[in-house]
Amino acid sequence: MLELASGHRRKADLVIAADGVRSAVRRSLGIACSRRKYQDGIVRVLVERGSFVGGAWDHVIDFWAFEPRTLRILYAPCEDGRLYMAMMSPRDDKQASKLPVDPTVWASAFPMLAPAIKSVGSRGRYDVYETTRLDTWSVGHVAIVGDAAHAMPPTLAQGACLAMMNALSLAEFVSEGSDLTVDLQRWENASER
């Protein structure tokens, strides 16, 4: 039985939780979870592309700077004239990892991106690179997929893609069998963790 936030209950053969890195479903099931924090963090932001159109600007570009500090910008053009920037820095670099983004720090390392960096303003979100590991991806008739099951560092929608591939794999396993509990175990055993 699935209980919704509204209090309504629904009958379900299988519940699939794809509710993200801080999964409430995972917590409610009591699945043991370990998190590992890394030394780097990332500011993620969407801005208008502005003049960054044509040629190489229409492709994903990975910019790196190593002096006087190590910084990275993953530049990814999006639909509707927007630009996704993932701005990576060591988390102990207080100037580069703070919000709002300090355009002086970032534009001095990446002058070619200065107009986009200066347009960030107070937007953006900062996350430390972390990974998640679970002892199991299912309990009873509930399966955990995507970032809820095995979160990766927050870059370029890898978690969303992983959730879709987990769900596809899960669908294949449960459609082949007749015992959902056995099918879920086979799915877990066949998947890399």
N, C-alpha and C. Protein backbone atom coordinates (compact mmCIF):
# COMPACT_ATOMS: atom_id res chain seq x y z
N MET A 1 0.85 -1.17 0.00
CA MET A 1 0.00 0.00 0.00
C MET A 1 0.89 1.24 0.00
N LEU A 2 0.59 2.18 -0.85
CA LEU A 2 1.33 3.42 -0.98
C LEU A 2 0.51 4.54 -0.36
N GLU A 3 1.12 5.27 0.59
CA GLU A 3 0.42 6.40 1.21
C GLU A 3 0.99 7.69 0.64
N LEU A 4 0.11 8.52 0.09
CA LEU A 4 0.51 9.79 -0.51
C LEU A 4 0.59 10.87 0.55
N ALA A 5 1.22 11.98 0.24
CA ALA A 5 1.35 13.10 1.18
C ALA A 5 -0.02 13.60 1.62
N SER A 6 -1.02 13.46 0.76
CA SER A 6 -2.38 13.90 1.08
C SER A 6 -3.07 12.99 2.09
N GLY A 7 -2.45 11.83 2.37
CA GLY A 7 -3.06 10.86 3.27
C GLY A 7 -3.81 9.76 2.54
N HIS A 8 -4.06 9.96 1.25
CA HIS A 8 -4.74 8.93 0.46
C HIS A 8 -3.82 7.72 0.30
N ARG A 9 -4.42 6.56 0.20
CA ARG A 9 -3.66 5.32 0.01
C ARG A 9 -4.00 4.72 -1.34
N ARG A 10 -3.00 4.17 -1.97
CA ARG A 10 -3.16 3.54 -3.28
C ARG A 10 -2.52 2.16 -3.25
N LYS A 11 -3.17 1.22 -3.88
CA LYS A 11 -2.61 -0.12 -4.01
C LYS A 11 -1.63 -0.12 -5.17
N ALA A 12 -0.49 -0.79 -4.97
CA ALA A 12 0.53 -0.83 -6.02
C ALA A 12 1.25 -2.16 -5.99
N ASP A 13 1.53 -2.71 -7.17
CA ASP A 13 2.33 -3.93 -7.25
C ASP A 13 3.80 -3.62 -6.99
N LEU A 14 4.27 -2.47 -7.50
CA LEU A 14 5.65 -2.07 -7.36
C LEU A 14 5.70 -0.56 -7.23
N VAL A 15 6.46 -0.07 -6.26
CA VAL A 15 6.69 1.36 -6.09
C VAL A 15 8.15 1.61 -6.44
N ILE A 16 8.38 2.59 -7.31
CA ILE A 16 9.74 2.94 -7.71
C ILE A 16 10.02 4.35 -7.18
N ALA A 17 11.04 4.45 -6.35
CA ALA A 17 11.42 5.74 -5.76
C ALA A 17 12.59 6.32 -6.54
N ALA A 18 12.36 7.48 -7.13
CA ALA A 18 13.42 8.22 -7.81
C ALA A 18 13.39 9.64 -7.25
N ASP A 19 13.44 9.72 -5.92
CA ASP A 19 13.24 11.01 -5.26
C ASP A 19 14.52 11.68 -4.79
N GLY A 20 15.62 11.39 -5.44
CA GLY A 20 16.84 12.16 -5.25
C GLY A 20 17.76 11.74 -4.13
N VAL A 21 18.84 12.48 -4.04
CA VAL A 21 19.93 12.14 -3.15
C VAL A 21 19.52 12.11 -1.68
N ARG A 22 18.58 12.93 -1.29
CA ARG A 22 18.11 12.94 0.10
C ARG A 22 16.76 12.25 0.20
N SER A 23 16.64 11.12 -0.44
CA SER A 23 15.41 10.35 -0.60
C SER A 23 14.64 10.12 0.70
N ALA A 24 13.42 10.65 0.74
CA ALA A 24 12.53 10.41 1.87
C ALA A 24 12.04 8.96 1.85
N VAL A 25 11.84 8.40 0.66
CA VAL A 25 11.39 7.00 0.56
C VAL A 25 12.46 6.07 1.11
N ARG A 26 13.71 6.30 0.71
CA ARG A 26 14.81 5.49 1.22
C ARG A 26 14.87 5.55 2.74
N ARG A 27 14.78 6.75 3.29
CA ARG A 27 14.80 6.91 4.76
C ARG A 27 13.64 6.19 5.41
N SER A 28 12.45 6.28 4.82
CA SER A 28 11.26 5.65 5.41
C SER A 28 11.38 4.13 5.44
N LEU A 29 12.18 3.58 4.53
CA LEU A 29 12.36 2.13 4.48
C LEU A 29 13.50 1.66 5.39
N GLY A 30 14.27 2.59 5.93
CA GLY A 30 15.37 2.23 6.82
C GLY A 30 16.55 1.59 6.11
N ILE A 31 16.73 1.90 4.82
CA ILE A 31 17.85 1.34 4.07
C ILE A 31 19.13 2.04 4.53
N ALA A 32 20.13 1.24 4.91
CA ALA A 32 21.42 1.80 5.33
C ALA A 32 22.07 2.52 4.16
N CYS A 33 22.58 3.70 4.44
CA CYS A 33 23.14 4.56 3.40
C CYS A 33 24.45 5.15 3.90
N SER A 34 25.49 5.09 3.08
CA SER A 34 26.74 5.77 3.42
C SER A 34 26.98 6.86 2.39
N ARG A 35 27.45 8.01 2.88
CA ARG A 35 27.75 9.15 2.01
C ARG A 35 29.22 9.48 2.16
N ARG A 36 29.87 9.78 1.05
CA ARG A 36 31.28 10.18 1.08
C ARG A 36 31.41 11.56 0.45
N LYS A 37 31.96 12.50 1.19
CA LYS A 37 32.20 13.84 0.68
C LYS A 37 33.61 13.92 0.11
N TYR A 38 33.72 14.69 -0.99
CA TYR A 38 35.01 14.86 -1.63
C TYR A 38 35.53 16.27 -1.39
N GLN A 39 36.73 16.56 -1.88
CA GLN A 39 37.35 17.86 -1.60
C GLN A 39 36.81 18.98 -2.47
N ASP A 40 36.10 18.66 -3.53
CA ASP A 40 35.60 19.69 -4.44
C ASP A 40 34.10 19.88 -4.30
N GLY A 41 33.68 21.07 -4.67
CA GLY A 41 32.26 21.39 -4.72
C GLY A 41 31.97 22.09 -6.03
N ILE A 42 30.69 22.35 -6.28
CA ILE A 42 30.31 22.90 -7.57
C ILE A 42 29.13 23.85 -7.42
N VAL A 43 29.24 24.98 -8.09
CA VAL A 43 28.13 25.91 -8.21
C VAL A 43 27.48 25.62 -9.55
N ARG A 44 26.18 25.36 -9.52
CA ARG A 44 25.45 25.10 -10.76
C ARG A 44 24.47 26.23 -11.01
N VAL A 45 24.45 26.69 -12.25
CA VAL A 45 23.60 27.84 -12.55
C VAL A 45 23.20 27.84 -14.03
N LEU A 46 22.02 28.37 -14.30
CA LEU A 46 21.53 28.62 -15.66
C LEU A 46 21.52 30.12 -15.89
N VAL A 47 22.12 30.56 -16.99
CA VAL A 47 22.10 31.98 -17.37
C VAL A 47 21.72 32.06 -18.85
N GLU A 48 21.49 33.26 -19.31
CA GLU A 48 21.22 33.46 -20.73
C GLU A 48 22.53 33.31 -21.51
N ARG A 49 22.45 32.71 -22.70
CA ARG A 49 23.66 32.51 -23.51
C ARG A 49 24.24 33.82 -24.03
N GLY A 50 23.39 34.78 -24.29
CA GLY A 50 23.88 36.06 -24.80
C GLY A 50 24.63 35.88 -26.11
N SER A 51 25.86 36.35 -26.16
CA SER A 51 26.66 36.30 -27.39
C SER A 51 27.38 34.97 -27.60
N PHE A 52 27.20 34.02 -26.71
CA PHE A 52 27.88 32.73 -26.83
C PHE A 52 27.10 31.82 -27.78
N VAL A 53 27.14 32.15 -29.06
CA VAL A 53 26.37 31.42 -30.06
C VAL A 53 27.26 31.20 -31.29
N GLY A 54 27.15 29.98 -31.86
CA GLY A 54 27.89 29.68 -33.08
C GLY A 54 29.22 29.02 -32.82
N GLY A 55 29.65 28.20 -33.75
CA GLY A 55 30.94 27.53 -33.67
C GLY A 55 31.06 26.69 -32.41
N ALA A 56 32.21 26.79 -31.76
CA ALA A 56 32.47 26.00 -30.55
C ALA A 56 31.51 26.33 -29.42
N TRP A 57 30.95 27.56 -29.41
CA TRP A 57 30.02 27.95 -28.34
C TRP A 57 28.72 27.15 -28.38
N ASP A 58 28.47 26.42 -29.45
CA ASP A 58 27.26 25.59 -29.53
C ASP A 58 27.49 24.17 -29.02
N HIS A 59 28.65 23.92 -28.42
CA HIS A 59 29.00 22.59 -27.92
C HIS A 59 29.37 22.65 -26.44
N VAL A 60 29.32 21.51 -25.79
CA VAL A 60 29.77 21.42 -24.40
C VAL A 60 31.28 21.60 -24.38
N ILE A 61 31.75 22.47 -23.49
CA ILE A 61 33.19 22.75 -23.37
C ILE A 61 33.57 22.64 -21.90
N ASP A 62 34.68 22.01 -21.64
CA ASP A 62 35.20 21.85 -20.28
C ASP A 62 36.41 22.77 -20.13
N PHE A 63 36.25 23.87 -19.41
CA PHE A 63 37.33 24.84 -19.21
C PHE A 63 38.03 24.55 -17.87
N TRP A 64 39.36 24.62 -17.86
CA TRP A 64 40.15 24.42 -16.64
C TRP A 64 41.13 25.57 -16.47
N ALA A 65 41.37 25.95 -15.22
CA ALA A 65 42.43 26.90 -14.88
C ALA A 65 43.21 26.29 -13.71
N PHE A 66 44.52 26.37 -13.75
CA PHE A 66 45.34 25.77 -12.69
C PHE A 66 46.16 26.80 -11.90
N GLU A 67 46.24 28.01 -12.38
CA GLU A 67 47.00 29.06 -11.70
C GLU A 67 46.14 30.32 -11.64
N PRO A 68 46.08 31.03 -10.58
CA PRO A 68 46.73 30.79 -9.30
C PRO A 68 45.97 29.79 -8.43
N ARG A 69 44.83 29.29 -8.89
CA ARG A 69 44.05 28.30 -8.16
C ARG A 69 43.42 27.35 -9.17
N THR A 70 43.04 26.17 -8.72
CA THR A 70 42.41 25.20 -9.61
C THR A 70 40.90 25.46 -9.65
N LEU A 71 40.41 25.79 -10.84
CA LEU A 71 38.99 26.04 -11.06
C LEU A 71 38.58 25.37 -12.37
N ARG A 72 37.32 25.05 -12.47
CA ARG A 72 36.79 24.42 -13.68
C ARG A 72 35.41 25.00 -13.96
N ILE A 73 35.11 25.21 -15.23
CA ILE A 73 33.74 25.54 -15.63
C ILE A 73 33.34 24.57 -16.74
N LEU A 74 32.28 23.83 -16.47
CA LEU A 74 31.68 23.00 -17.51
C LEU A 74 30.61 23.87 -18.17
N TYR A 75 30.81 24.18 -19.42
CA TYR A 75 29.95 25.05 -20.21
C TYR A 75 29.05 24.16 -21.06
N ALA A 76 27.74 24.29 -20.89
CA ALA A 76 26.81 23.43 -21.65
C ALA A 76 25.62 24.26 -22.13
N PRO A 77 25.58 24.56 -23.45
CA PRO A 77 24.44 25.31 -23.98
C PRO A 77 23.16 24.48 -23.88
N CYS A 78 22.06 25.16 -23.59
CA CYS A 78 20.76 24.50 -23.41
C CYS A 78 19.74 25.10 -24.36
N GLU A 79 18.52 24.61 -24.25
CA GLU A 79 17.43 25.10 -25.07
C GLU A 79 17.08 26.54 -24.70
N ASP A 80 16.32 27.15 -25.55
CA ASP A 80 15.79 28.50 -25.31
C ASP A 80 16.86 29.54 -24.98
N GLY A 81 18.04 29.41 -25.59
CA GLY A 81 19.06 30.42 -25.42
C GLY A 81 19.69 30.48 -24.03
N ARG A 82 19.63 29.38 -23.31
CA ARG A 82 20.22 29.35 -21.97
C ARG A 82 21.54 28.61 -21.97
N LEU A 83 22.30 28.85 -20.93
CA LEU A 83 23.60 28.25 -20.75
C LEU A 83 23.68 27.68 -19.33
N TYR A 84 24.03 26.40 -19.24
CA TYR A 84 24.27 25.77 -17.94
C TYR A 84 25.76 25.85 -17.68
N MET A 85 26.11 26.37 -16.50
CA MET A 85 27.52 26.39 -16.11
C MET A 85 27.65 25.66 -14.77
N ALA A 86 28.58 24.73 -14.74
CA ALA A 86 28.94 24.03 -13.51
C ALA A 86 30.33 24.53 -13.15
N MET A 87 30.41 25.29 -12.06
CA MET A 87 31.64 25.99 -11.69
C MET A 87 32.26 25.27 -10.49
N MET A 88 33.32 24.48 -10.74
CA MET A 88 33.93 23.62 -9.73
C MET A 88 35.15 24.27 -9.10
N SER A 89 35.23 24.10 -7.78
CA SER A 89 36.41 24.58 -7.04
C SER A 89 36.60 23.71 -5.81
N PRO A 90 37.81 23.68 -5.26
CA PRO A 90 37.99 22.98 -3.98
C PRO A 90 37.10 23.65 -2.93
N ARG A 91 36.47 22.86 -2.09
CA ARG A 91 35.54 23.46 -1.13
C ARG A 91 36.25 24.31 -0.09
N ASP A 92 37.57 24.13 0.09
CA ASP A 92 38.28 24.98 1.04
C ASP A 92 38.72 26.31 0.41
N ASP A 93 38.44 26.51 -0.87
CA ASP A 93 38.67 27.80 -1.53
C ASP A 93 37.42 28.65 -1.27
N LYS A 94 37.43 29.38 -0.18
CA LYS A 94 36.24 30.11 0.27
C LYS A 94 35.78 31.16 -0.73
N GLN A 95 36.70 31.79 -1.45
CA GLN A 95 36.30 32.80 -2.43
C GLN A 95 35.58 32.19 -3.62
N ALA A 96 36.08 31.07 -4.11
CA ALA A 96 35.51 30.47 -5.32
C ALA A 96 34.26 29.63 -5.02
N SER A 97 34.10 29.16 -3.80
CA SER A 97 32.96 28.29 -3.49
C SER A 97 31.80 29.02 -2.83
N LYS A 98 31.92 30.33 -2.65
CA LYS A 98 30.84 31.03 -1.95
C LYS A 98 29.73 31.46 -2.91
N LEU A 99 28.57 31.68 -2.32
CA LEU A 99 27.43 32.26 -3.03
C LEU A 99 27.08 33.57 -2.36
N PRO A 100 26.67 34.57 -3.11
CA PRO A 100 26.65 34.57 -4.57
C PRO A 100 28.07 34.46 -5.14
N VAL A 101 28.13 34.00 -6.38
CA VAL A 101 29.40 33.81 -7.07
C VAL A 101 30.14 35.15 -7.12
N ASP A 102 31.44 35.10 -6.84
CA ASP A 102 32.29 36.29 -6.94
C ASP A 102 32.78 36.38 -8.39
N PRO A 103 32.22 37.29 -9.19
CA PRO A 103 32.59 37.34 -10.61
C PRO A 103 34.06 37.70 -10.83
N THR A 104 34.67 38.43 -9.89
CA THR A 104 36.08 38.79 -10.04
C THR A 104 36.96 37.55 -10.02
N VAL A 105 36.71 36.64 -9.08
CA VAL A 105 37.49 35.40 -8.96
C VAL A 105 37.36 34.57 -10.22
N TRP A 106 36.12 34.36 -10.67
CA TRP A 106 35.87 33.47 -11.79
C TRP A 106 36.25 34.09 -13.14
N ALA A 107 35.93 35.36 -13.34
CA ALA A 107 36.25 36.01 -14.63
C ALA A 107 37.75 36.19 -14.81
N SER A 108 38.51 36.32 -13.71
CA SER A 108 39.97 36.44 -13.87
C SER A 108 40.57 35.11 -14.34
N ALA A 109 39.96 33.99 -13.98
CA ALA A 109 40.44 32.68 -14.43
C ALA A 109 39.91 32.32 -15.81
N PHE A 110 38.73 32.83 -16.14
CA PHE A 110 38.09 32.50 -17.42
C PHE A 110 37.59 33.78 -18.10
N PRO A 111 38.51 34.64 -18.57
CA PRO A 111 38.09 35.92 -19.14
C PRO A 111 37.18 35.77 -20.36
N MET A 112 37.34 34.67 -21.09
CA MET A 112 36.49 34.46 -22.27
C MET A 112 35.02 34.26 -21.89
N LEU A 113 34.75 33.88 -20.63
CA LEU A 113 33.38 33.66 -20.16
C LEU A 113 32.87 34.79 -19.26
N ALA A 114 33.64 35.87 -19.17
CA ALA A 114 33.31 36.97 -18.25
C ALA A 114 31.86 37.47 -18.36
N PRO A 115 31.32 37.71 -19.57
CA PRO A 115 29.93 38.19 -19.63
C PRO A 115 28.93 37.20 -18.99
N ALA A 116 29.12 35.92 -19.21
CA ALA A 116 28.22 34.92 -18.62
C ALA A 116 28.41 34.86 -17.10
N ILE A 117 29.65 34.90 -16.66
CA ILE A 117 29.94 34.84 -15.22
C ILE A 117 29.34 36.05 -14.50
N LYS A 118 29.51 37.23 -15.10
CA LYS A 118 28.98 38.45 -14.48
C LYS A 118 27.45 38.46 -14.45
N SER A 119 26.81 37.69 -15.31
CA SER A 119 25.33 37.66 -15.33
C SER A 119 24.74 36.72 -14.29
N VAL A 120 25.59 35.95 -13.59
CA VAL A 120 25.09 34.99 -12.60
C VAL A 120 24.36 35.70 -11.46
N GLY A 121 24.91 36.79 -10.98
CA GLY A 121 24.27 37.54 -9.89
C GLY A 121 24.09 36.67 -8.66
N SER A 122 22.90 36.68 -8.09
CA SER A 122 22.63 35.92 -6.86
C SER A 122 22.11 34.51 -7.14
N ARG A 123 22.03 34.14 -8.41
CA ARG A 123 21.54 32.80 -8.75
C ARG A 123 22.61 31.76 -8.51
N GLY A 124 22.22 30.52 -8.59
CA GLY A 124 23.16 29.42 -8.46
C GLY A 124 22.93 28.63 -7.18
N ARG A 125 23.51 27.47 -7.18
CA ARG A 125 23.40 26.56 -6.05
C ARG A 125 24.74 25.88 -5.89
N TYR A 126 25.19 25.72 -4.65
CA TYR A 126 26.47 25.10 -4.38
C TYR A 126 26.26 23.76 -3.71
N ASP A 127 26.95 22.73 -4.21
CA ASP A 127 26.91 21.40 -3.62
C ASP A 127 28.32 20.85 -3.56
N VAL A 128 28.62 20.14 -2.49
CA VAL A 128 29.89 19.44 -2.38
C VAL A 128 29.75 18.13 -3.15
N TYR A 129 30.80 17.74 -3.86
CA TYR A 129 30.79 16.45 -4.54
C TYR A 129 30.65 15.35 -3.48
N GLU A 130 29.67 14.49 -3.67
CA GLU A 130 29.44 13.37 -2.76
C GLU A 130 29.00 12.16 -3.57
N THR A 131 29.20 11.00 -3.00
CA THR A 131 28.63 9.78 -3.57
C THR A 131 27.83 9.08 -2.49
N THR A 132 26.88 8.26 -2.92
CA THR A 132 26.00 7.51 -2.01
C THR A 132 26.15 6.03 -2.31
N ARG A 133 26.12 5.24 -1.27
CA ARG A 133 26.15 3.79 -1.44
C ARG A 133 25.13 3.18 -0.49
N LEU A 134 24.29 2.27 -1.03
CA LEU A 134 23.28 1.58 -0.23
C LEU A 134 23.61 0.11 -0.11
N ASP A 135 23.14 -0.50 0.97
CA ASP A 135 23.30 -1.95 1.13
C ASP A 135 22.37 -2.71 0.21
N THR A 136 21.21 -2.12 -0.09
CA THR A 136 20.23 -2.75 -0.97
C THR A 136 19.47 -1.67 -1.72
N TRP A 137 18.95 -2.01 -2.89
CA TRP A 137 18.16 -1.07 -3.67
C TRP A 137 16.67 -1.37 -3.60
N SER A 138 16.30 -2.38 -2.82
CA SER A 138 14.87 -2.68 -2.73
C SER A 138 14.53 -3.26 -1.36
N VAL A 139 13.30 -2.99 -0.96
CA VAL A 139 12.73 -3.56 0.27
C VAL A 139 11.29 -3.91 -0.07
N GLY A 140 10.95 -5.18 0.12
CA GLY A 140 9.59 -5.60 -0.24
C GLY A 140 9.32 -5.34 -1.70
N HIS A 141 8.29 -4.54 -1.97
CA HIS A 141 7.91 -4.22 -3.34
C HIS A 141 8.24 -2.77 -3.68
N VAL A 142 9.29 -2.25 -3.06
CA VAL A 142 9.75 -0.88 -3.33
C VAL A 142 11.18 -0.95 -3.84
N ALA A 143 11.43 -0.30 -4.98
CA ALA A 143 12.77 -0.25 -5.57
C ALA A 143 13.24 1.21 -5.57
N ILE A 144 14.53 1.40 -5.29
CA ILE A 144 15.14 2.73 -5.25
C ILE A 144 16.05 2.85 -6.49
N VAL A 145 15.90 3.95 -7.24
CA VAL A 145 16.70 4.15 -8.45
C VAL A 145 17.33 5.54 -8.46
N GLY A 146 18.29 5.73 -9.35
CA GLY A 146 18.91 7.04 -9.57
C GLY A 146 19.69 7.53 -8.37
N ASP A 147 19.68 8.85 -8.18
CA ASP A 147 20.43 9.45 -7.09
C ASP A 147 20.00 8.94 -5.72
N ALA A 148 18.77 8.51 -5.59
CA ALA A 148 18.31 7.94 -4.32
C ALA A 148 19.07 6.67 -3.98
N ALA A 149 19.51 5.94 -5.01
CA ALA A 149 20.22 4.67 -4.81
C ALA A 149 21.73 4.82 -4.81
N HIS A 150 22.25 5.64 -5.69
CA HIS A 150 23.71 5.73 -5.83
C HIS A 150 24.11 7.06 -6.45
N ALA A 151 23.93 8.11 -5.67
CA ALA A 151 24.22 9.46 -6.17
C ALA A 151 25.69 9.62 -6.52
N MET A 152 25.90 10.38 -7.58
CA MET A 152 27.24 10.72 -8.04
C MET A 152 27.42 12.22 -7.87
N PRO A 153 28.63 12.73 -8.09
CA PRO A 153 28.82 14.18 -8.04
C PRO A 153 27.86 14.87 -9.01
N PRO A 154 27.41 16.08 -8.65
CA PRO A 154 26.36 16.77 -9.41
C PRO A 154 26.86 17.43 -10.69
N THR A 155 27.01 16.68 -11.75
CA THR A 155 27.45 17.26 -13.02
C THR A 155 26.62 16.74 -14.18
N LEU A 156 26.14 17.64 -14.99
CA LEU A 156 25.53 17.39 -16.29
C LEU A 156 24.50 16.26 -16.32
N ALA A 157 23.61 16.22 -15.34
CA ALA A 157 22.44 15.33 -15.32
C ALA A 157 22.78 13.85 -15.36
N GLN A 158 23.95 13.46 -14.89
CA GLN A 158 24.29 12.04 -14.86
C GLN A 158 23.33 11.27 -13.96
N GLY A 159 22.92 11.88 -12.86
CA GLY A 159 21.98 11.22 -11.95
C GLY A 159 20.64 10.97 -12.62
N ALA A 160 20.15 11.95 -13.39
CA ALA A 160 18.88 11.77 -14.10
C ALA A 160 19.00 10.64 -15.12
N CYS A 161 20.11 10.62 -15.85
CA CYS A 161 20.33 9.55 -16.84
C CYS A 161 20.42 8.20 -16.15
N LEU A 162 21.11 8.16 -15.02
CA LEU A 162 21.24 6.92 -14.26
C LEU A 162 19.88 6.42 -13.79
N ALA A 163 19.02 7.33 -13.34
CA ALA A 163 17.67 6.94 -12.90
C ALA A 163 16.90 6.29 -14.05
N MET A 164 17.02 6.88 -15.24
CA MET A 164 16.31 6.32 -16.39
C MET A 164 16.85 4.93 -16.76
N MET A 165 18.16 4.78 -16.73
CA MET A 165 18.74 3.47 -17.06
C MET A 165 18.41 2.43 -15.98
N ASN A 166 18.41 2.84 -14.70
CA ASN A 166 18.00 1.92 -13.63
C ASN A 166 16.57 1.46 -13.85
N ALA A 167 15.69 2.41 -14.18
CA ALA A 167 14.27 2.08 -14.38
C ALA A 167 14.09 1.16 -15.58
N LEU A 168 14.83 1.40 -16.66
CA LEU A 168 14.75 0.53 -17.84
C LEU A 168 15.19 -0.89 -17.48
N SER A 169 16.32 -0.99 -16.81
CA SER A 169 16.81 -2.30 -16.38
C SER A 169 15.81 -2.99 -15.47
N LEU A 170 15.28 -2.25 -14.52
CA LEU A 170 14.28 -2.80 -13.60
C LEU A 170 13.05 -3.30 -14.36
N ALA A 171 12.59 -2.52 -15.32
CA ALA A 171 11.42 -2.92 -16.12
C ALA A 171 11.67 -4.23 -16.85
N GLU A 172 12.87 -4.38 -17.39
CA GLU A 172 13.20 -5.62 -18.09
C GLU A 172 13.15 -6.83 -17.14
N PHE A 173 13.71 -6.67 -15.94
CA PHE A 173 13.75 -7.79 -15.01
C PHE A 173 12.36 -8.15 -14.48
N VAL A 174 11.55 -7.15 -14.14
CA VAL A 174 10.23 -7.49 -13.57
C VAL A 174 9.25 -7.95 -14.64
N SER A 175 9.48 -7.58 -15.89
CA SER A 175 8.57 -8.04 -16.94
C SER A 175 8.86 -9.48 -17.37
N GLU A 176 10.07 -9.96 -17.08
CA GLU A 176 10.46 -11.33 -17.46
C GLU A 176 10.01 -12.37 -16.44
N GLY A 177 9.86 -11.97 -15.19
CA GLY A 177 9.59 -12.94 -14.12
C GLY A 177 8.15 -12.95 -13.67
N SER A 178 7.89 -13.80 -12.68
CA SER A 178 6.53 -13.90 -12.15
C SER A 178 6.49 -13.65 -10.65
N ASP A 179 7.66 -13.56 -10.00
CA ASP A 179 7.73 -13.32 -8.57
C ASP A 179 8.50 -12.02 -8.37
N LEU A 180 7.81 -10.96 -7.99
CA LEU A 180 8.41 -9.63 -7.90
C LEU A 180 9.60 -9.59 -6.95
N THR A 181 9.50 -10.25 -5.82
CA THR A 181 10.61 -10.26 -4.86
C THR A 181 11.86 -10.88 -5.47
N VAL A 182 11.70 -11.99 -6.17
CA VAL A 182 12.82 -12.65 -6.84
C VAL A 182 13.36 -11.77 -7.97
N ASP A 183 12.45 -11.16 -8.72
CA ASP A 183 12.86 -10.29 -9.83
C ASP A 183 13.68 -9.10 -9.33
N LEU A 184 13.26 -8.50 -8.23
CA LEU A 184 14.00 -7.37 -7.66
C LEU A 184 15.39 -7.81 -7.22
N GLN A 185 15.50 -8.98 -6.63
CA GLN A 185 16.81 -9.48 -6.21
C GLN A 185 17.70 -9.76 -7.41
N ARG A 186 17.13 -10.35 -8.46
CA ARG A 186 17.90 -10.59 -9.69
C ARG A 186 18.39 -9.27 -10.29
N TRP A 187 17.51 -8.27 -10.28
CA TRP A 187 17.86 -6.94 -10.80
C TRP A 187 19.05 -6.37 -10.02
N GLU A 188 18.98 -6.44 -8.71
CA GLU A 188 20.09 -5.94 -7.89
C GLU A 188 21.37 -6.71 -8.14
N ASN A 189 21.28 -8.02 -8.21
CA ASN A 189 22.47 -8.86 -8.41
C ASN A 189 23.13 -8.61 -9.75
N ALA A 190 22.32 -8.29 -10.77
CA ALA A 190 22.86 -8.08 -12.11
C ALA A 190 23.44 -6.67 -12.28
N SER A 191 23.07 -5.75 -11.40
CA SER A 191 23.51 -4.36 -11.50
C SER A 191 24.80 -4.16 -10.74
N GLU A 192 25.66 -3.33 -11.29
CA GLU A 192 26.92 -2.99 -10.60
C GLU A 192 26.59 -2.04 -9.46
N ARG A 193 27.19 -2.28 -8.31
CA ARG A 193 27.04 -1.34 -7.19
C ARG A 193 28.34 -0.89 -6.74
